[in-house]
Amino acid sequence: MRALKSVGQGAMLLAFAITALAASPLAAQSPEPVTTPGNGAYPTLYEQVAGLPDHVVYRPRNMDALGTQKLPIYVFGNGGCSADGTSSRNHLLQIASHGYLAIAPGTIPVPGKNADEPSQGTPGQLTLATPADALSTAIDWAVRENERAGSPFYHRLATDKIAASGWSCGGLQAIITAQEPRVKTAVIMNSGVFNGASPIPGLNATKAMVDTLHGSALYILGGPDDMAYPNGTDDFRRITTLPAALVNIPVGHGGTYMEPNGGIAAEVVTAWLDWKLKGDTVAAKQFEGGACGFCKDSRLTIERKNIR
């Protein structure tokens, strides 16, 4: 185990936007965002582990500090379905610091090498850097580790409390993964399913999958300037019986993933997870009732369905 320091949508534009940005010379010259450790009770780290070499794991550094508390699981698809498992690290470190095991596909990039270059087959088409089932692979590993004697996660994971999440192209990975019965809530960020056939080979999320989501669903979009806004809004309109919320934060498609502690989006997601996976009644008040906490928050707007 190698520990590291503590610490979208219109045709193909959804998938290309984040990937192309990550691989562009301009992006490569931009200052590296400051990595923040999260503001929860548990100081965090991110690492690659031998048993899951194509993913990055985010967790509390001192597992013993959890006592008898078990970690729910949060699997997260990267923007552009990229292979940089640290591209949303502030968001993931924030979630982990509040008592979660978070896992993203990909690896920790080596300085001086661009591990995130998009691979193209047919001109105009993106070849996924991480497969559609990458989040399911992460869940499989976590479930095994929870039962493996000698694992740092041995009987420390709440394998019945799993969320599938992701940004942009990664949000489509999350929708596919959220079809599994073991996923209890879906958190779809700056994303939504394409109308018609998917233009991304190998990533066949369909509008029918929105109808078969279960448990609950949270959509976070970046307002009308978010290229995922039309598709994500359409997804939300199709949800009829599921407890669901749609939060718009007016920051466009790029979200707040690498803002300190993941910004307001991570704040919203943490509250949702605390409510839906931990049964936290204080967190529930951020979403429930006519005077819900986020209903009065001037930084965002919220719509709700089947939430009292």
Protein backbone atom coordinates (compact mmCIF):
# COMPACT_ATOMS: atom_id res chain seq x y z
CA MET A 1 0.00 0.00 0.00
CA ARG A 2 1.43 3.37 -1.02
CA ALA A 3 0.07 6.29 1.00
CA LEU A 4 0.14 9.83 -0.35
CA LYS A 5 0.14 13.10 1.50
CA SER A 6 -2.85 13.95 3.70
CA VAL A 7 -4.48 16.35 2.98
CA GLY A 8 -21.66 17.23 -19.71
CA GLN A 9 -23.79 18.30 -22.29
CA GLY A 10 -24.56 18.62 -25.90
CA ALA A 11 -23.54 15.89 -28.25
CA MET A 12 -19.97 14.98 -27.37
CA LEU A 13 -19.13 18.23 -25.63
CA LEU A 14 -20.00 16.72 -22.25
CA ALA A 15 -17.23 14.16 -22.42
CA PHE A 16 -14.74 16.28 -24.31
CA ALA A 17 -14.98 19.43 -22.21
CA ILE A 18 -13.30 18.18 -19.07
CA THR A 19 -10.92 15.80 -20.84
CA ALA A 20 -9.74 18.36 -23.36
CA LEU A 21 -9.24 20.95 -20.65
CA ALA A 22 -7.15 18.56 -18.59
CA ALA A 23 -4.95 17.73 -21.54
CA SER A 24 -4.53 21.23 -22.97
CA PRO A 25 -1.21 23.07 -22.81
CA LEU A 26 -2.98 26.02 -21.21
CA ALA A 27 -4.32 23.83 -18.42
CA ALA A 28 -0.91 22.27 -17.91
CA GLN A 29 0.57 25.72 -17.30
CA SER A 30 -2.09 26.76 -14.81
CA PRO A 31 -1.15 26.85 -11.14
CA GLU A 32 -1.87 23.61 -9.32
CA PRO A 33 -4.95 24.05 -7.09
CA VAL A 34 -4.25 23.90 -3.38
CA THR A 35 -5.17 20.51 -1.93
CA THR A 36 -7.32 20.81 1.20
CA PRO A 37 -7.92 17.97 3.68
CA GLY A 38 -11.63 18.49 4.35
CA ASN A 39 -13.22 20.04 7.40
CA GLY A 40 -14.76 16.93 8.92
CA ALA A 41 -13.76 15.16 12.12
CA TYR A 42 -11.32 12.76 10.45
CA PRO A 43 -8.02 13.90 8.89
CA THR A 44 -7.76 12.22 5.52
CA LEU A 45 -5.35 10.77 3.00
CA TYR A 46 -5.55 9.46 -0.53
CA GLU A 47 -3.63 6.46 -1.79
CA GLN A 48 -3.32 3.72 -4.34
CA VAL A 49 -3.63 0.19 -3.02
CA ALA A 50 -2.29 -3.06 -4.43
CA GLY A 51 -5.68 -4.76 -4.64
CA LEU A 52 -7.26 -1.92 -6.62
CA PRO A 53 -4.47 -0.57 -8.83
CA ASP A 54 -6.64 1.44 -11.22
CA HIS A 55 -8.38 3.51 -8.55
CA VAL A 56 -7.54 6.08 -5.90
CA VAL A 57 -8.88 5.54 -2.38
CA TYR A 58 -9.75 8.40 -0.02
CA ARG A 59 -10.20 7.59 3.66
CA PRO A 60 -9.68 8.78 7.23
CA ARG A 61 -5.99 8.51 8.03
CA ASN A 62 -6.51 6.97 11.46
CA MET A 63 -9.06 4.23 11.08
CA ASP A 64 -8.95 3.49 14.81
CA ALA A 65 -10.35 6.98 15.47
CA LEU A 66 -13.66 5.77 14.04
CA GLY A 67 -14.29 3.54 17.04
CA THR A 68 -17.31 1.40 16.24
CA GLN A 69 -18.49 3.69 13.46
CA LYS A 70 -18.50 2.11 10.00
CA LEU A 71 -17.74 4.03 6.83
CA PRO A 72 -20.42 4.28 4.13
CA ILE A 73 -19.02 4.04 0.60
CA TYR A 74 -18.98 6.84 -2.00
CA VAL A 75 -17.80 5.89 -5.50
CA PHE A 76 -17.17 8.80 -7.87
CA GLY A 77 -16.68 8.99 -11.65
CA ASN A 78 -14.23 11.65 -12.80
CA GLY A 79 -15.00 14.51 -15.16
CA GLY A 80 -14.39 13.35 -18.72
CA CYS A 81 -14.30 9.78 -17.37
CA SER A 82 -10.61 10.57 -17.02
CA ALA A 83 -7.90 8.36 -15.54
CA ASP A 84 -6.73 11.04 -13.10
CA GLY A 85 -8.08 9.73 -9.83
CA THR A 86 -7.09 12.97 -8.09
CA SER A 87 -8.78 15.42 -10.47
CA SER A 88 -11.59 16.07 -7.92
CA ARG A 89 -9.51 15.36 -4.82
CA ASN A 90 -10.73 18.31 -2.73
CA HIS A 91 -14.30 17.13 -3.19
CA LEU A 92 -13.38 13.55 -2.29
CA LEU A 93 -11.16 14.46 0.66
CA GLN A 94 -14.01 16.55 2.03
CA ILE A 95 -16.43 13.63 1.81
CA ALA A 96 -13.92 11.22 3.39
CA SER A 97 -13.21 13.62 6.26
CA HIS A 98 -16.84 13.31 7.32
CA GLY A 99 -16.54 9.57 7.81
CA TYR A 100 -16.80 7.98 4.36
CA LEU A 101 -14.69 5.75 2.15
CA ALA A 102 -14.48 7.52 -1.22
CA ILE A 103 -13.07 5.89 -4.35
CA ALA A 104 -12.39 7.34 -7.81
CA PRO A 105 -11.22 5.46 -10.93
CA GLY A 106 -7.74 6.14 -12.25
CA THR A 107 -4.34 6.67 -10.70
CA ILE A 108 -2.29 9.39 -9.03
CA PRO A 109 -0.50 11.18 -11.89
CA VAL A 110 3.27 11.24 -11.91
CA PRO A 111 4.67 14.80 -12.18
CA GLY A 112 5.91 15.54 -15.67
CA LYS A 113 3.68 12.96 -17.31
CA ASN A 114 0.22 13.60 -18.69
CA ALA A 115 -1.81 10.57 -17.65
CA ASP A 116 -5.05 12.18 -18.75
CA GLU A 117 -4.69 12.58 -22.51
CA PRO A 118 -7.92 11.67 -24.29
CA SER A 119 -7.68 8.66 -26.55
CA GLN A 120 -9.53 8.93 -29.85
CA GLY A 121 -10.55 6.17 -32.20
CA THR A 122 -12.94 7.28 -34.92
CA PRO A 123 -12.42 11.04 -35.47
CA GLY A 124 -14.78 12.99 -33.24
CA GLN A 125 -15.28 10.12 -30.81
CA LEU A 126 -13.82 9.72 -27.36
CA THR A 127 -12.43 6.43 -26.10
CA LEU A 128 -13.10 6.16 -22.39
CA ALA A 129 -10.01 6.37 -20.16
CA THR A 130 -11.97 4.57 -17.43
CA PRO A 131 -14.61 1.95 -18.25
CA ALA A 132 -18.33 2.22 -17.65
CA ASP A 133 -18.12 -0.39 -14.88
CA ALA A 134 -15.24 1.31 -13.01
CA LEU A 135 -17.47 2.32 -10.10
CA SER A 136 -18.87 -1.20 -9.77
CA THR A 137 -15.30 -2.50 -9.64
CA ALA A 138 -14.62 -0.12 -6.75
CA ILE A 139 -17.69 -1.35 -4.87
CA ASP A 140 -16.70 -4.99 -5.42
CA TRP A 141 -13.26 -4.29 -3.96
CA ALA A 142 -14.67 -2.47 -0.91
CA VAL A 143 -17.07 -5.32 -0.16
CA ARG A 144 -14.20 -7.82 -0.36
CA GLU A 145 -11.93 -5.69 1.82
CA ASN A 146 -14.61 -5.46 4.47
CA GLU A 147 -14.40 -9.24 4.85
CA ARG A 148 -10.66 -9.72 4.36
CA ALA A 149 -8.83 -10.37 7.62
CA GLY A 150 -5.82 -8.08 7.83
CA SER A 151 -7.37 -5.36 5.70
CA PRO A 152 -7.45 -1.86 7.23
CA PHE A 153 -11.14 -1.91 6.29
CA TYR A 154 -11.92 -5.26 7.92
CA HIS A 155 -15.48 -4.95 9.30
CA ARG A 156 -15.14 -1.16 9.19
CA LEU A 157 -17.28 -0.51 6.11
CA ALA A 158 -21.04 -0.09 5.89
CA THR A 159 -21.44 -2.13 2.73
CA ASP A 160 -25.21 -1.68 2.86
CA LYS A 161 -24.81 2.11 2.56
CA ILE A 162 -23.39 2.94 -0.84
CA ALA A 163 -23.69 6.05 -3.02
CA ALA A 164 -22.79 6.26 -6.72
CA SER A 165 -21.72 9.71 -7.85
CA GLY A 166 -19.78 11.44 -10.60
CA TRP A 167 -19.09 14.60 -12.55
CA SER A 168 -20.05 15.11 -16.20
CA CYS A 169 -19.07 11.91 -18.09
CA GLY A 170 -18.46 10.37 -14.65
CA GLY A 171 -22.06 11.16 -13.76
CA LEU A 172 -23.14 8.83 -16.55
CA GLN A 173 -20.92 6.13 -15.05
CA ALA A 174 -22.76 6.79 -11.77
CA ILE A 175 -26.20 6.43 -13.37
CA ILE A 176 -25.17 3.08 -14.84
CA THR A 177 -23.80 1.92 -11.47
CA ALA A 178 -26.83 3.20 -9.58
CA GLN A 179 -28.96 0.55 -11.31
CA GLU A 180 -27.43 -1.99 -8.90
CA PRO A 181 -29.62 -2.82 -5.87
CA ARG A 182 -26.67 -2.33 -3.51
CA VAL A 183 -26.51 1.38 -4.39
CA LYS A 184 -28.83 3.29 -2.05
CA THR A 185 -28.58 6.80 -3.50
CA ALA A 186 -27.35 8.41 -6.72
CA VAL A 187 -25.57 11.77 -6.73
CA ILE A 188 -25.34 13.07 -10.31
CA MET A 189 -23.19 16.17 -10.68
CA ASN A 190 -23.05 18.52 -13.70
CA SER A 191 -24.38 15.67 -15.79
CA GLY A 192 -27.45 14.10 -17.29
CA VAL A 193 -28.33 11.40 -19.79
CA PHE A 194 -28.25 12.24 -23.50
CA ASN A 195 -31.51 12.19 -25.41
CA GLY A 196 -31.13 9.55 -28.07
CA ALA A 197 -28.13 7.30 -28.53
CA SER A 198 -25.05 8.02 -26.45
CA PRO A 199 -22.26 9.61 -28.53
CA ILE A 200 -19.67 8.07 -26.20
CA PRO A 201 -18.83 4.50 -27.26
CA GLY A 202 -18.94 2.11 -24.32
CA LEU A 203 -20.94 4.45 -22.10
CA ASN A 204 -24.53 3.47 -22.77
CA ALA A 205 -26.50 5.36 -20.15
CA THR A 206 -30.10 5.79 -21.33
CA LYS A 207 -33.10 7.82 -20.24
CA ALA A 208 -34.76 4.53 -19.26
CA MET A 209 -32.11 4.22 -16.53
CA VAL A 210 -33.41 7.41 -14.93
CA ASP A 211 -36.79 5.70 -14.56
CA THR A 212 -35.18 2.74 -12.79
CA LEU A 213 -33.12 4.66 -10.25
CA HIS A 214 -34.04 3.60 -6.74
CA GLY A 215 -33.58 4.75 -3.16
CA SER A 216 -33.10 8.47 -3.78
CA ALA A 217 -31.37 10.83 -6.19
CA LEU A 218 -29.60 14.17 -5.93
CA TYR A 219 -28.76 16.17 -9.05
CA ILE A 220 -26.31 19.07 -8.79
CA LEU A 221 -26.03 21.34 -11.82
CA GLY A 222 -24.20 24.58 -12.54
CA GLY A 223 -27.19 26.64 -13.67
CA PRO A 224 -28.16 27.50 -17.26
CA ASP A 225 -24.52 28.07 -18.22
CA ASP A 226 -23.74 24.43 -17.44
CA MET A 227 -23.65 22.44 -20.68
CA ALA A 228 -25.21 19.56 -18.71
CA TYR A 229 -28.16 21.73 -17.62
CA PRO A 230 -30.64 20.64 -20.34
CA ASN A 231 -29.98 16.91 -19.92
CA GLY A 232 -29.74 16.98 -16.12
CA THR A 233 -32.92 19.03 -15.84
CA ASP A 234 -34.70 16.64 -18.19
CA ASP A 235 -33.57 13.71 -16.03
CA PHE A 236 -35.00 15.35 -12.93
CA ARG A 237 -38.32 16.06 -14.66
CA ARG A 238 -38.64 12.36 -15.49
CA ILE A 239 -38.37 11.29 -11.85
CA THR A 240 -41.88 10.73 -10.50
CA THR A 241 -41.92 8.60 -7.34
CA LEU A 242 -38.35 8.77 -6.08
CA PRO A 243 -37.31 11.17 -3.30
CA ALA A 244 -35.11 13.54 -5.28
CA ALA A 245 -33.61 17.00 -5.23
CA LEU A 246 -32.16 19.22 -7.94
CA VAL A 247 -29.66 21.83 -6.75
CA ASN A 248 -28.31 24.51 -9.06
CA ILE A 249 -25.13 26.35 -8.10
CA PRO A 250 -24.44 29.17 -10.61
CA VAL A 251 -20.84 28.22 -11.46
CA GLY A 252 -21.24 26.55 -14.87
CA HIS A 253 -20.07 23.09 -15.84
CA GLY A 254 -16.78 23.17 -13.92
CA GLY A 255 -18.47 22.93 -10.52
CA THR A 256 -16.63 23.55 -7.26
CA TYR A 257 -14.69 20.27 -7.07
CA MET A 258 -11.25 21.80 -6.52
CA GLU A 259 -12.30 24.77 -4.43
CA PRO A 260 -11.12 24.55 -0.81
CA ASN A 261 -12.84 21.56 0.79
CA GLY A 262 -14.75 21.00 -2.44
CA GLY A 263 -16.76 24.21 -2.17
CA ILE A 264 -20.51 24.43 -1.76
CA ALA A 265 -21.22 21.37 -3.91
CA ALA A 266 -19.33 19.14 -1.47
CA GLU A 267 -21.24 20.78 1.37
CA VAL A 268 -24.54 19.85 -0.28
CA VAL A 269 -23.38 16.32 -1.09
CA THR A 270 -22.11 15.71 2.45
CA ALA A 271 -25.46 16.76 3.91
CA TRP A 272 -27.30 14.48 1.46
CA LEU A 273 -25.09 11.50 2.28
CA ASP A 274 -25.35 12.14 6.03
CA TRP A 275 -29.13 12.12 5.65
CA LYS A 276 -29.57 9.24 3.24
CA LEU A 277 -26.77 6.92 4.37
CA LYS A 278 -26.39 7.81 8.06
CA GLY A 279 -29.93 8.86 8.94
CA ASP A 280 -28.74 12.20 10.33
CA THR A 281 -31.84 14.23 11.23
CA VAL A 282 -29.94 17.53 11.33
CA ALA A 283 -28.67 16.98 7.80
CA ALA A 284 -32.21 16.05 6.73
CA LYS A 285 -33.40 19.53 7.70
CA GLN A 286 -31.22 20.96 4.95
CA PHE A 287 -33.62 19.33 2.47
CA GLU A 288 -36.92 18.75 4.30
CA GLY A 289 -39.75 21.18 4.99
CA GLY A 290 -40.80 24.53 3.60
CA ALA A 291 -38.04 26.25 5.55
CA CYS A 292 -35.31 23.77 4.68
CA GLY A 293 -31.75 24.98 5.13
CA PHE A 294 -30.86 24.93 1.46
CA CYS A 295 -34.24 26.48 0.57
CA LYS A 296 -33.00 29.66 2.27
CA ASP A 297 -29.44 29.51 0.96
CA SER A 298 -28.76 32.38 -1.44
CA ARG A 299 -25.79 30.55 -2.96
CA LEU A 300 -28.03 28.04 -4.74
CA THR A 301 -31.54 27.11 -5.77
CA ILE A 302 -33.23 23.82 -4.94
CA GLU A 303 -36.19 21.87 -6.32
CA ARG A 304 -37.53 18.80 -4.53
CA LYS A 305 -39.76 15.83 -5.29
CA ASN A 306 -41.33 13.42 -2.80
CA ILE A 307 -39.48 15.07 0.08
CA ARG A 308 -41.80 16.25 2.79
